[in-house]
């Protein structure tokens, strides 16, 4: 009769949302999900749309506006701080954490040569600084591979990396802040809403559209199933929902900077043109802080000098309290 069943309508709606996400049209994906009643099936749509909006504002230097858009939502606040750190905005991130009553972030102080543009759109920095950054990361990667061969894993923060995989230099497999090597595998320990321990095996898979993120959940000998997503943030959001955990606070990352320090030292990492090495980001952050400190001191001196000159230009007062010109005459107009 020209009408589709409820099941067919839902399948069509799911295809629309999924297609928008795959094309990185996150605003459209969120609208579809909300309008078609699929927000629970696609919780990552809202998150990806908000992250995309925050990324754009951070790139424009409009982090204050971005903080306003976050409101009181802890997840969005966490996203904004993460984006600022990726761009080397440690000062701004700490300013927001102080305003929001969160603990301060330790600012890295390594002395590696850099000059990359952590806040730019490309890998940034000179070829020599990029080469030095890769050499530094390569040493860490070699140590990690030795640990995996001898112990079966290398610990990176809360992750146990079991396999590094191989780097694909195509753009979907890296961006300015992360490299996603297919065949990567790691484990982390989590807890569900009842405090029971759950093992999470994180894997990066290869597909025609780009990287696919998978997490297999295991509680003792019982499999809790697998979750998949086209984004690292999206798959962790699904994991939290599956375990009955709140997503309004700080969530565990799929990888994290400790793992990225090793991944960026893998073969072909330097050929990921959009990626900015961590040491380059830290160097950029230090340069920005020096510029801001210099400007602040310059403004203070300028203000002090203006007050001094203003005082010199004022005529001295006589014994009667009236201002007099340099000849000693009263300026009262009498």
C-alpha atoms as a PDB file:
ATOM      1  CA  UNK A   1       0.000   0.000   0.000  1.00  0.00           C
ATOM      2  CA  UNK A   2       3.028   2.281  -0.200  1.00  0.00           C
ATOM      3  CA  UNK A   3       3.609   2.196   3.577  1.00  0.00           C
ATOM      4  CA  UNK A   4       6.440   0.479   5.454  1.00  0.00           C
ATOM      5  CA  UNK A   5       6.201  -1.432   8.702  1.00  0.00           C
ATOM      6  CA  UNK A   6       7.500  -0.084  12.010  1.00  0.00           C
ATOM      7  CA  UNK A   7      10.505  -2.391  11.744  1.00  0.00           C
ATOM      8  CA  UNK A   8      11.290  -1.159   8.248  1.00  0.00           C
ATOM      9  CA  UNK A   9      10.949   2.461   9.356  1.00  0.00           C
ATOM     10  CA  UNK A  10      13.341   1.887  12.247  1.00  0.00           C
ATOM     11  CA  UNK A  11      15.845   0.136   9.974  1.00  0.00           C
ATOM     12  CA  UNK A  12      15.680   3.075   7.582  1.00  0.00           C
ATOM     13  CA  UNK A  13      16.189   5.515  10.443  1.00  0.00           C
ATOM     14  CA  UNK A  14      19.182   3.587  11.730  1.00  0.00           C
ATOM     15  CA  UNK A  15      20.693   3.610   8.240  1.00  0.00           C
ATOM     16  CA  UNK A  16      20.241   7.394   8.030  1.00  0.00           C
ATOM     17  CA  UNK A  17      21.958   8.000  11.379  1.00  0.00           C
ATOM     18  CA  UNK A  18      24.782   5.564  10.651  1.00  0.00           C
ATOM     19  CA  UNK A  19      25.328   7.037   7.190  1.00  0.00           C
ATOM     20  CA  UNK A  20      25.569  10.567   8.589  1.00  0.00           C
ATOM     21  CA  UNK A  21      28.110   9.453  11.205  1.00  0.00           C
ATOM     22  CA  UNK A  22      30.240   7.656   8.612  1.00  0.00           C
ATOM     23  CA  UNK A  23      30.279  10.831   6.516  1.00  0.00           C
ATOM     24  CA  UNK A  24      31.285  12.841   9.625  1.00  0.00           C
ATOM     25  CA  UNK A  25      28.047  14.851   9.432  1.00  0.00           C
ATOM     26  CA  UNK A  26      27.566  14.711  13.179  1.00  0.00           C
ATOM     27  CA  UNK A  27      25.062  17.553  13.481  1.00  0.00           C
ATOM     28  CA  UNK A  28      22.830  15.841  10.946  1.00  0.00           C
ATOM     29  CA  UNK A  29      23.300  12.493  12.693  1.00  0.00           C
ATOM     30  CA  UNK A  30      22.170  13.930  16.024  1.00  0.00           C
ATOM     31  CA  UNK A  31      19.106  15.514  14.401  1.00  0.00           C
ATOM     32  CA  UNK A  32      18.159  12.208  12.784  1.00  0.00           C
ATOM     33  CA  UNK A  33      18.649  10.281  16.033  1.00  0.00           C
ATOM     34  CA  UNK A  34      16.609  12.765  18.062  1.00  0.00           C
ATOM     35  CA  UNK A  35      13.849  13.151  15.491  1.00  0.00           C
ATOM     36  CA  UNK A  36      13.484   9.404  14.896  1.00  0.00           C
ATOM     37  CA  UNK A  37      13.638   8.414  18.555  1.00  0.00           C
ATOM     38  CA  UNK A  38      16.993   6.659  18.176  1.00  0.00           C
ATOM     39  CA  UNK A  39      19.039   8.548  20.781  1.00  0.00           C
ATOM     40  CA  UNK A  40      19.448   5.414  22.934  1.00  0.00           C
ATOM     41  CA  UNK A  41      20.578   3.349  19.934  1.00  0.00           C
ATOM     42  CA  UNK A  42      23.070   6.044  18.854  1.00  0.00           C
ATOM     43  CA  UNK A  43      24.274   7.828  22.031  1.00  0.00           C
ATOM     44  CA  UNK A  44      27.511   8.710  20.250  1.00  0.00           C
ATOM     45  CA  UNK A  45      25.690  10.986  17.777  1.00  0.00           C
ATOM     46  CA  UNK A  46      25.190  13.735  20.359  1.00  0.00           C
ATOM     47  CA  UNK A  47      28.691  13.263  21.742  1.00  0.00           C
ATOM     48  CA  UNK A  48      30.355  13.412  18.322  1.00  0.00           C
ATOM     49  CA  UNK A  49      28.375  16.524  17.370  1.00  0.00           C
ATOM     50  CA  UNK A  50      29.389  18.301  20.571  1.00  0.00           C
ATOM     51  CA  UNK A  51      33.046  17.223  20.211  1.00  0.00           C
ATOM     52  CA  UNK A  52      33.096  18.509  16.631  1.00  0.00           C
ATOM     53  CA  UNK A  53      31.679  21.872  17.755  1.00  0.00           C
ATOM     54  CA  UNK A  54      34.207  22.161  20.589  1.00  0.00           C
ATOM     55  CA  UNK A  55      37.098  21.267  18.260  1.00  0.00           C
ATOM     56  CA  UNK A  56      36.129  24.060  15.864  1.00  0.00           C
ATOM     57  CA  UNK A  57      35.934  26.622  18.668  1.00  0.00           C
ATOM     58  CA  UNK A  58      39.287  25.535  20.136  1.00  0.00           C
ATOM     59  CA  UNK A  59      40.945  25.856  16.720  1.00  0.00           C
ATOM     60  CA  UNK A  60      39.555  29.403  16.484  1.00  0.00           C
ATOM     61  CA  UNK A  61      40.841  30.226  19.974  1.00  0.00           C
ATOM     62  CA  UNK A  62      37.276  30.668  21.259  1.00  0.00           C
ATOM     63  CA  UNK A  63      37.654  28.398  24.267  1.00  0.00           C
ATOM     64  CA  UNK A  64      35.615  30.707  26.482  1.00  0.00           C
ATOM     65  CA  UNK A  65      32.621  30.339  24.186  1.00  0.00           C
ATOM     66  CA  UNK A  66      33.228  26.588  24.119  1.00  0.00           C
ATOM     67  CA  UNK A  67      33.112  26.459  27.944  1.00  0.00           C
ATOM     68  CA  UNK A  68      29.762  28.256  27.873  1.00  0.00           C
ATOM     69  CA  UNK A  69      28.366  25.659  25.466  1.00  0.00           C
ATOM     70  CA  UNK A  70      29.435  22.886  27.869  1.00  0.00           C
ATOM     71  CA  UNK A  71      27.201  24.240  30.639  1.00  0.00           C
ATOM     72  CA  UNK A  72      27.225  21.966  33.685  1.00  0.00           C
ATOM     73  CA  UNK A  73      27.607  18.758  31.662  1.00  0.00           C
ATOM     74  CA  UNK A  74      30.665  16.919  33.005  1.00  0.00           C
ATOM     75  CA  UNK A  75      31.134  14.857  29.869  1.00  0.00           C
ATOM     76  CA  UNK A  76      31.276  17.945  27.636  1.00  0.00           C
ATOM     77  CA  UNK A  77      33.577  19.731  30.081  1.00  0.00           C
ATOM     78  CA  UNK A  78      35.886  16.728  29.960  1.00  0.00           C
ATOM     79  CA  UNK A  79      35.780  16.772  26.155  1.00  0.00           C
ATOM     80  CA  UNK A  80      36.706  20.462  26.059  1.00  0.00           C
ATOM     81  CA  UNK A  81      39.658  19.995  28.427  1.00  0.00           C
ATOM     82  CA  UNK A  82      40.861  17.057  26.316  1.00  0.00           C
ATOM     83  CA  UNK A  83      40.646  19.150  23.129  1.00  0.00           C
ATOM     84  CA  UNK A  84      42.570  22.009  24.755  1.00  0.00           C
ATOM     85  CA  UNK A  85      45.315  19.609  25.882  1.00  0.00           C
ATOM     86  CA  UNK A  86      45.560  18.118  22.394  1.00  0.00           C
ATOM     87  CA  UNK A  87      46.039  21.637  21.022  1.00  0.00           C
ATOM     88  CA  UNK A  88      48.681  22.448  23.658  1.00  0.00           C
ATOM     89  CA  UNK A  89      46.378  24.774  25.605  1.00  0.00           C
ATOM     90  CA  UNK A  90      47.536  23.728  29.082  1.00  0.00           C
ATOM     91  CA  UNK A  91      47.014  27.215  30.562  1.00  0.00           C
ATOM     92  CA  UNK A  92      43.432  27.424  29.298  1.00  0.00           C
ATOM     93  CA  UNK A  93      42.689  23.856  30.439  1.00  0.00           C
ATOM     94  CA  UNK A  94      43.950  24.608  33.954  1.00  0.00           C
ATOM     95  CA  UNK A  95      41.979  27.858  34.051  1.00  0.00           C
ATOM     96  CA  UNK A  96      38.770  25.956  33.341  1.00  0.00           C
ATOM     97  CA  UNK A  97      39.624  23.172  35.791  1.00  0.00           C
ATOM     98  CA  UNK A  98      40.131  25.779  38.513  1.00  0.00           C
ATOM     99  CA  UNK A  99      36.799  27.444  37.723  1.00  0.00           C
ATOM    100  CA  UNK A 100      35.035  24.049  37.686  1.00  0.00           C
ATOM    101  CA  UNK A 101      36.637  22.867  40.928  1.00  0.00           C
ATOM    102  CA  UNK A 102      38.689  20.152  39.235  1.00  0.00           C
ATOM    103  CA  UNK A 103      42.303  19.201  40.060  1.00  0.00           C
ATOM    104  CA  UNK A 104      45.052  21.017  38.118  1.00  0.00           C
ATOM    105  CA  UNK A 105      46.848  19.381  35.198  1.00  0.00           C
ATOM    106  CA  UNK A 106      50.609  18.923  35.336  1.00  0.00           C
ATOM    107  CA  UNK A 107      52.202  20.823  32.462  1.00  0.00           C
ATOM    108  CA  UNK A 108      54.892  18.735  30.694  1.00  0.00           C
ATOM    109  CA  UNK A 109      58.356  20.303  30.860  1.00  0.00           C
ATOM    110  CA  UNK A 110      60.505  18.160  28.576  1.00  0.00           C
ATOM    111  CA  UNK A 111      63.258  19.895  26.618  1.00  0.00           C
ATOM    112  CA  UNK A 112      62.765  18.171  23.264  1.00  0.00           C
ATOM    113  CA  UNK A 113      63.160  20.352  20.220  1.00  0.00           C
ATOM    114  CA  UNK A 114      59.799  21.136  18.725  1.00  0.00           C
ATOM    115  CA  UNK A 115      57.985  23.929  17.043  1.00  0.00           C
ATOM    116  CA  UNK A 116      54.994  22.019  15.752  1.00  0.00           C
ATOM    117  CA  UNK A 117      51.584  23.597  15.651  1.00  0.00           C
ATOM    118  CA  UNK A 118      49.530  21.739  18.216  1.00  0.00           C
ATOM    119  CA  UNK A 119      46.633  24.086  17.544  1.00  0.00           C
ATOM    120  CA  UNK A 120      46.925  24.028  13.775  1.00  0.00           C
ATOM    121  CA  UNK A 121      45.333  21.826  11.212  1.00  0.00           C
ATOM    122  CA  UNK A 122      48.415  19.978  10.030  1.00  0.00           C
ATOM    123  CA  UNK A 123      51.381  18.139  11.460  1.00  0.00           C
ATOM    124  CA  UNK A 124      53.177  21.461  11.747  1.00  0.00           C
ATOM    125  CA  UNK A 125      56.775  22.188  12.656  1.00  0.00           C
ATOM    126  CA  UNK A 126      59.893  21.926  10.549  1.00  0.00           C
ATOM    127  CA  UNK A 127      60.953  18.614   9.040  1.00  0.00           C
ATOM    128  CA  UNK A 128      63.954  18.523  11.392  1.00  0.00           C
ATOM    129  CA  UNK A 129      61.852  18.985  14.559  1.00  0.00           C
ATOM    130  CA  UNK A 130      59.397  16.358  13.328  1.00  0.00           C
ATOM    131  CA  UNK A 131      62.283  13.985  12.650  1.00  0.00           C
ATOM    132  CA  UNK A 132      63.700  14.518  16.154  1.00  0.00           C
ATOM    133  CA  UNK A 133      60.273  13.935  17.687  1.00  0.00           C
ATOM    134  CA  UNK A 134      59.961  10.640  15.825  1.00  0.00           C
ATOM    135  CA  UNK A 135      63.435   9.517  16.912  1.00  0.00           C
ATOM    136  CA  UNK A 136      62.534  10.172  20.543  1.00  0.00           C
ATOM    137  CA  UNK A 137      59.275   8.217  20.210  1.00  0.00           C
ATOM    138  CA  UNK A 138      61.011   5.403  18.312  1.00  0.00           C
ATOM    139  CA  UNK A 139      63.194   4.624  21.326  1.00  0.00           C
ATOM    140  CA  UNK A 140      60.106   4.260  23.514  1.00  0.00           C
ATOM    141  CA  UNK A 141      58.459   2.011  20.937  1.00  0.00           C
ATOM    142  CA  UNK A 142      61.510  -0.265  20.767  1.00  0.00           C
ATOM    143  CA  UNK A 143      61.480  -0.625  24.563  1.00  0.00           C
ATOM    144  CA  UNK A 144      57.758  -1.394  24.437  1.00  0.00           C
ATOM    145  CA  UNK A 145      58.215  -4.078  21.782  1.00  0.00           C
ATOM    146  CA  UNK A 146      60.938  -5.695  23.906  1.00  0.00           C
ATOM    147  CA  UNK A 147      58.547  -5.731  26.881  1.00  0.00           C
ATOM    148  CA  UNK A 148      55.774  -7.309  24.785  1.00  0.00           C
ATOM    149  CA  UNK A 149      58.141 -10.035  23.550  1.00  0.00           C
ATOM    150  CA  UNK A 150      59.370 -10.864  27.055  1.00  0.00           C
ATOM    151  CA  UNK A 151      56.218 -10.368  29.139  1.00  0.00           C
ATOM    152  CA  UNK A 152      53.398 -10.511  26.617  1.00  0.00           C
ATOM    153  CA  UNK A 153      52.381  -6.900  27.213  1.00  0.00           C
ATOM    154  CA  UNK A 154      53.581  -3.407  28.050  1.00  0.00           C
ATOM    155  CA  UNK A 155      51.703  -1.253  30.548  1.00  0.00           C
ATOM    156  CA  UNK A 156      50.610   2.206  29.365  1.00  0.00           C
ATOM    157  CA  UNK A 157      48.743   3.852  32.203  1.00  0.00           C
ATOM    158  CA  UNK A 158      45.590   1.792  32.736  1.00  0.00           C
ATOM    159  CA  UNK A 159      46.151  -0.209  29.554  1.00  0.00           C
ATOM    160  CA  UNK A 160      48.041  -3.423  28.959  1.00  0.00           C
ATOM    161  CA  UNK A 161      49.086  -3.219  25.307  1.00  0.00           C
ATOM    162  CA  UNK A 162      49.299  -6.711  23.820  1.00  0.00           C
ATOM    163  CA  UNK A 163      49.903  -5.832  20.170  1.00  0.00           C
ATOM    164  CA  UNK A 164      50.807  -2.562  18.444  1.00  0.00           C
ATOM    165  CA  UNK A 165      49.543  -3.459  14.977  1.00  0.00           C
ATOM    166  CA  UNK A 166      50.735  -1.645  11.847  1.00  0.00           C
ATOM    167  CA  UNK A 167      50.288   1.982  10.863  1.00  0.00           C
ATOM    168  CA  UNK A 168      48.100   2.884   7.897  1.00  0.00           C
ATOM    169  CA  UNK A 169      49.087   6.365   6.692  1.00  0.00           C
ATOM    170  CA  UNK A 170      45.707   7.063   5.069  1.00  0.00           C
ATOM    171  CA  UNK A 171      43.867  10.004   6.642  1.00  0.00           C
ATOM    172  CA  UNK A 172      40.986   8.083   8.246  1.00  0.00           C
ATOM    173  CA  UNK A 173      43.553   6.260  10.376  1.00  0.00           C
ATOM    174  CA  UNK A 174      45.067   9.374  11.901  1.00  0.00           C
ATOM    175  CA  UNK A 175      44.221  12.968  12.726  1.00  0.00           C
ATOM    176  CA  UNK A 176      46.046  15.822  14.419  1.00  0.00           C
ATOM    177  CA  UNK A 177      45.965  14.149  17.847  1.00  0.00           C
ATOM    178  CA  UNK A 178      45.811  10.374  17.355  1.00  0.00           C
ATOM    179  CA  UNK A 179      47.066   7.523  15.192  1.00  0.00           C
ATOM    180  CA  UNK A 180      44.824   4.442  15.006  1.00  0.00           C
ATOM    181  CA  UNK A 181      46.923   1.423  13.865  1.00  0.00           C
ATOM    182  CA  UNK A 182      44.836  -1.519  12.577  1.00  0.00           C
ATOM    183  CA  UNK A 183      45.395  -4.778  14.461  1.00  0.00           C
ATOM    184  CA  UNK A 184      46.174  -2.903  17.695  1.00  0.00           C
ATOM    185  CA  UNK A 185      45.057  -4.812  20.782  1.00  0.00           C
ATOM    186  CA  UNK A 186      45.065  -3.966  24.479  1.00  0.00           C
ATOM    187  CA  UNK A 187      43.285  -4.828  27.730  1.00  0.00           C
ATOM    188  CA  UNK A 188      42.030  -2.747  30.623  1.00  0.00           C
ATOM    189  CA  UNK A 189      40.218  -3.607  33.855  1.00  0.00           C
ATOM    190  CA  UNK A 190      36.906  -1.925  34.567  1.00  0.00           C
ATOM    191  CA  UNK A 191      33.978  -2.324  36.972  1.00  0.00           C
ATOM    192  CA  UNK A 192      30.253  -2.421  36.293  1.00  0.00           C
ATOM    193  CA  UNK A 193      27.623  -0.484  38.243  1.00  0.00           C
ATOM    194  CA  UNK A 194      27.622  -3.213  40.933  1.00  0.00           C
ATOM    195  CA  UNK A 195      31.368  -2.955  41.486  1.00  0.00           C
ATOM    196  CA  UNK A 196      32.081  -6.277  39.783  1.00  0.00           C
ATOM    197  CA  UNK A 197      35.332  -6.519  37.852  1.00  0.00           C
ATOM    198  CA  UNK A 198      35.037  -6.634  34.064  1.00  0.00           C
ATOM    199  CA  UNK A 199      37.846  -7.197  31.577  1.00  0.00           C
ATOM    200  CA  UNK A 200      37.732  -5.061  28.428  1.00  0.00           C
ATOM    201  CA  UNK A 201      39.751  -6.071  25.366  1.00  0.00           C
ATOM    202  CA  UNK A 202      40.144  -3.104  23.004  1.00  0.00           C
ATOM    203  CA  UNK A 203      40.927  -3.646  19.319  1.00  0.00           C
ATOM    204  CA  UNK A 204      41.265  -1.476  16.220  1.00  0.00           C
ATOM    205  CA  UNK A 205      39.961  -3.079  13.038  1.00  0.00           C
ATOM    206  CA  UNK A 206      40.368  -2.064   9.423  1.00  0.00           C
ATOM    207  CA  UNK A 207      37.441  -1.347   7.086  1.00  0.00           C
ATOM    208  CA  UNK A 208      36.836   0.431   3.782  1.00  0.00           C
ATOM    209  CA  UNK A 209      35.491   3.493   5.600  1.00  0.00           C
ATOM    210  CA  UNK A 210      38.373   3.718   8.073  1.00  0.00           C
ATOM    211  CA  UNK A 211      39.171   2.352  11.542  1.00  0.00           C
ATOM    212  CA  UNK A 212      36.559   0.405  13.480  1.00  0.00           C
ATOM    213  CA  UNK A 213      36.789   0.288  17.261  1.00  0.00           C
ATOM    214  CA  UNK A 214      35.791  -2.868  19.116  1.00  0.00           C
ATOM    215  CA  UNK A 215      35.644  -3.732  22.816  1.00  0.00           C
ATOM    216  CA  UNK A 216      35.017  -7.294  24.061  1.00  0.00           C
ATOM    217  CA  UNK A 217      33.722  -7.479  27.634  1.00  0.00           C
ATOM    218  CA  UNK A 218      34.366 -10.455  29.931  1.00  0.00           C
ATOM    219  CA  UNK A 219      33.345 -10.984  33.558  1.00  0.00           C
ATOM    220  CA  UNK A 220      35.143 -14.033  34.867  1.00  0.00           C
ATOM    221  CA  UNK A 221      34.351 -16.880  32.469  1.00  0.00           C
ATOM    222  CA  UNK A 222      31.222 -15.141  31.186  1.00  0.00           C
ATOM    223  CA  UNK A 223      31.286 -13.146  27.942  1.00  0.00           C
ATOM    224  CA  UNK A 224      29.242  -9.950  28.095  1.00  0.00           C
ATOM    225  CA  UNK A 225      29.427  -9.478  24.337  1.00  0.00           C
ATOM    226  CA  UNK A 226      31.182  -7.070  21.985  1.00  0.00           C
ATOM    227  CA  UNK A 227      30.507  -3.430  21.171  1.00  0.00           C
ATOM    228  CA  UNK A 228      31.581  -1.605  18.016  1.00  0.00           C
ATOM    229  CA  UNK A 229      31.720   1.974  16.818  1.00  0.00           C
ATOM    230  CA  UNK A 230      33.290   4.145  14.132  1.00  0.00           C
ATOM    231  CA  UNK A 231      34.899   6.325  16.812  1.00  0.00           C
ATOM    232  CA  UNK A 232      36.982   5.659  19.920  1.00  0.00           C
ATOM    233  CA  UNK A 233      34.799   7.927  22.047  1.00  0.00           C
ATOM    234  CA  UNK A 234      31.649   6.311  20.690  1.00  0.00           C
ATOM    235  CA  UNK A 235      32.714   2.767  21.550  1.00  0.00           C
ATOM    236  CA  UNK A 236      33.666   3.759  25.119  1.00  0.00           C
ATOM    237  CA  UNK A 237      30.302   5.464  25.536  1.00  0.00           C
ATOM    238  CA  UNK A 238      28.610   2.194  24.524  1.00  0.00           C
ATOM    239  CA  UNK A 239      30.814   0.271  26.961  1.00  0.00           C
ATOM    240  CA  UNK A 240      29.803   2.555  29.828  1.00  0.00           C
ATOM    241  CA  UNK A 241      26.130   2.193  28.942  1.00  0.00           C
ATOM    242  CA  UNK A 242      26.454  -1.602  28.744  1.00  0.00           C
ATOM    243  CA  UNK A 243      28.078  -1.732  32.180  1.00  0.00           C
ATOM    244  CA  UNK A 244      25.459   0.586  33.664  1.00  0.00           C
ATOM    245  CA  UNK A 245      28.004   3.315  34.395  1.00  0.00           C
ATOM    246  CA  UNK A 246      27.395   7.056  34.354  1.00  0.00           C
ATOM    247  CA  UNK A 247      28.741   8.946  31.337  1.00  0.00           C
ATOM    248  CA  UNK A 248      28.413  12.355  33.016  1.00  0.00           C
ATOM    249  CA  UNK A 249      31.879  12.191  34.578  1.00  0.00           C
ATOM    250  CA  UNK A 250      35.381  11.500  33.337  1.00  0.00           C
ATOM    251  CA  UNK A 251      35.379   8.371  31.183  1.00  0.00           C
ATOM    252  CA  UNK A 252      38.295   6.039  30.508  1.00  0.00           C
ATOM    253  CA  UNK A 253      39.801   6.706  27.065  1.00  0.00           C
ATOM    254  CA  UNK A 254      40.073   4.010  24.406  1.00  0.00           C
ATOM    255  CA  UNK A 255      43.825   4.629  24.274  1.00  0.00           C
ATOM    256  CA  UNK A 256      45.343   7.583  26.094  1.00  0.00           C
ATOM    257  CA  UNK A 257      48.532   9.628  25.798  1.00  0.00           C
ATOM    258  CA  UNK A 258      50.714   6.942  27.416  1.00  0.00           C
ATOM    259  CA  UNK A 259      49.850   4.537  24.594  1.00  0.00           C
ATOM    260  CA  UNK A 260      50.180   7.276  21.991  1.00  0.00           C
ATOM    261  CA  UNK A 261      53.780   7.938  23.081  1.00  0.00           C
ATOM    262  CA  UNK A 262      54.588   4.415  21.893  1.00  0.00           C
ATOM    263  CA  UNK A 263      52.363   4.360  18.800  1.00  0.00           C
ATOM    264  CA  UNK A 264      53.883   7.571  17.423  1.00  0.00           C
ATOM    265  CA  UNK A 265      57.256   5.804  17.390  1.00  0.00           C
ATOM    266  CA  UNK A 266      56.082   3.026  15.062  1.00  0.00           C
ATOM    267  CA  UNK A 267      57.325   2.712  11.504  1.00  0.00           C
ATOM    268  CA  UNK A 268      55.566   5.125   9.102  1.00  0.00           C
ATOM    269  CA  UNK A 269      54.284   7.331  11.953  1.00  0.00           C
ATOM    270  CA  UNK A 270      56.221  10.283  10.544  1.00  0.00           C
ATOM    271  CA  UNK A 271      54.357   9.780   7.239  1.00  0.00           C
ATOM    272  CA  UNK A 272      51.030  10.537   8.967  1.00  0.00           C
ATOM    273  CA  UNK A 273      51.100  14.139   7.772  1.00  0.00           C
ATOM    274  CA  UNK A 274      48.217  15.478   9.856  1.00  0.00           C
ATOM    275  CA  UNK A 275      49.534  14.087  13.123  1.00  0.00           C
ATOM    276  CA  UNK A 276      51.425  16.352  15.534  1.00  0.00           C
ATOM    277  CA  UNK A 277      53.927  14.594  17.797  1.00  0.00           C
ATOM    278  CA  UNK A 278      53.503  15.008  21.551  1.00  0.00           C
ATOM    279  CA  UNK A 279      56.881  16.664  22.056  1.00  0.00           C
ATOM    280  CA  UNK A 280      55.974  19.200  19.357  1.00  0.00           C
ATOM    281  CA  UNK A 281      52.727  19.979  21.147  1.00  0.00           C
ATOM    282  CA  UNK A 282      54.541  20.504  24.436  1.00  0.00           C
ATOM    283  CA  UNK A 283      57.080  22.787  22.793  1.00  0.00           C
ATOM    284  CA  UNK A 284      54.279  24.816  21.227  1.00  0.00           C
ATOM    285  CA  UNK A 285      52.555  25.068  24.609  1.00  0.00           C
ATOM    286  CA  UNK A 286      55.748  26.385  26.217  1.00  0.00           C
ATOM    287  CA  UNK A 287      56.196  28.950  23.445  1.00  0.00           C
ATOM    288  CA  UNK A 288      52.617  30.149  23.887  1.00  0.00           C
ATOM    289  CA  UNK A 289      53.112  30.516  27.639  1.00  0.00           C
ATOM    290  CA  UNK A 290      56.300  32.549  27.124  1.00  0.00           C
ATOM    291  CA  UNK A 291      54.488  34.831  24.689  1.00  0.00           C
ATOM    292  CA  UNK A 292      51.603  35.338  27.103  1.00  0.00           C
ATOM    293  CA  UNK A 293      53.958  35.991  30.025  1.00  0.00           C
ATOM    294  CA  UNK A 294      55.908  38.519  27.928  1.00  0.00           C
ATOM    295  CA  UNK A 295      52.744  40.286  26.828  1.00  0.00           C
ATOM    296  CA  UNK A 296      51.465  40.421  30.393  1.00  0.00           C
ATOM    297  CA  UNK A 297      54.715  41.983  31.627  1.00  0.00           C
ATOM    298  CA  UNK A 298      54.696  44.434  28.721  1.00  0.00           C
ATOM    299  CA  UNK A 299      51.144  45.531  29.522  1.00  0.00           C
ATOM    300  CA  UNK A 300      52.093  46.072  33.179  1.00  0.00           C
ATOM    301  CA  UNK A 301      55.121  48.220  32.247  1.00  0.00           C
ATOM    302  CA  UNK A 302      53.066  50.201  29.739  1.00  0.00           C
ATOM    303  CA  UNK A 303      50.381  50.918  32.330  1.00  0.00           C
ATOM    304  CA  UNK A 304      52.992  52.005  34.866  1.00  0.00           C
ATOM    305  CA  UNK A 305      54.688  54.273  32.318  1.00  0.00           C
ATOM    306  CA  UNK A 306      51.408  55.944  31.360  1.00  0.00           C
ATOM    307  CA  UNK A 307      50.661  56.763  34.991  1.00  0.00           C
ATOM    308  CA  UNK A 308      54.164  58.173  35.440  1.00  0.00           C
ATOM    309  CA  UNK A 309      53.904  60.399  32.362  1.00  0.00           C
ATOM    310  CA  UNK A 310      50.475  61.584  33.442  1.00  0.00           C
ATOM    311  CA  UNK A 311      51.907  62.626  36.796  1.00  0.00           C
ATOM    312  CA  UNK A 312      54.740  64.539  35.155  1.00  0.00           C
ATOM    313  CA  UNK A 313      52.362  66.469  32.932  1.00  0.00           C
ATOM    314  CA  UNK A 314      50.215  67.638  35.809  1.00  0.00           C
ATOM    315  CA  UNK A 315      51.130  71.096  37.132  1.00  0.00           C
ATOM    316  CA  UNK A 316      52.490  71.292  40.659  1.00  0.00           C
ATOM    317  CA  UNK A 317      50.266  72.685  43.422  1.00  0.00           C
ATOM    318  CA  UNK A 318      51.075  75.828  45.254  1.00  0.00           C
ATOM    319  CA  UNK A 319      50.766  76.398  48.984  1.00  0.00           C
ATOM    320  CA  UNK A 320      47.128  77.403  48.452  1.00  0.00           C
ATOM    321  CA  UNK A 321      46.397  73.945  46.933  1.00  0.00           C
ATOM    322  CA  UNK A 322      45.783  75.352  43.420  1.00  0.00           C
ATOM    323  CA  UNK A 323      47.533  73.984  40.325  1.00  0.00           C
ATOM    324  CA  UNK A 324      50.080  76.405  38.824  1.00  0.00           C
ATOM    325  CA  UNK A 325      51.788  76.451  35.438  1.00  0.00           C
ATOM    326  CA  UNK A 326      55.554  76.334  35.098  1.00  0.00           C
ATOM    327  CA  UNK A 327      55.815  80.100  35.505  1.00  0.00           C
ATOM    328  CA  UNK A 328      54.146  79.839  38.916  1.00  0.00           C
ATOM    329  CA  UNK A 329      50.848  81.470  37.878  1.00  0.00           C
ATOM    330  CA  UNK A 330      47.576  80.041  39.189  1.00  0.00           C
ATOM    331  CA  UNK A 331      45.522  77.903  36.774  1.00  0.00           C
ATOM    332  CA  UNK A 332      42.251  78.507  38.555  1.00  0.00           C
ATOM    333  CA  UNK A 333      41.081  81.045  36.003  1.00  0.00           C
ATOM    334  CA  UNK A 334      40.612  83.780  38.653  1.00  0.00           C
END
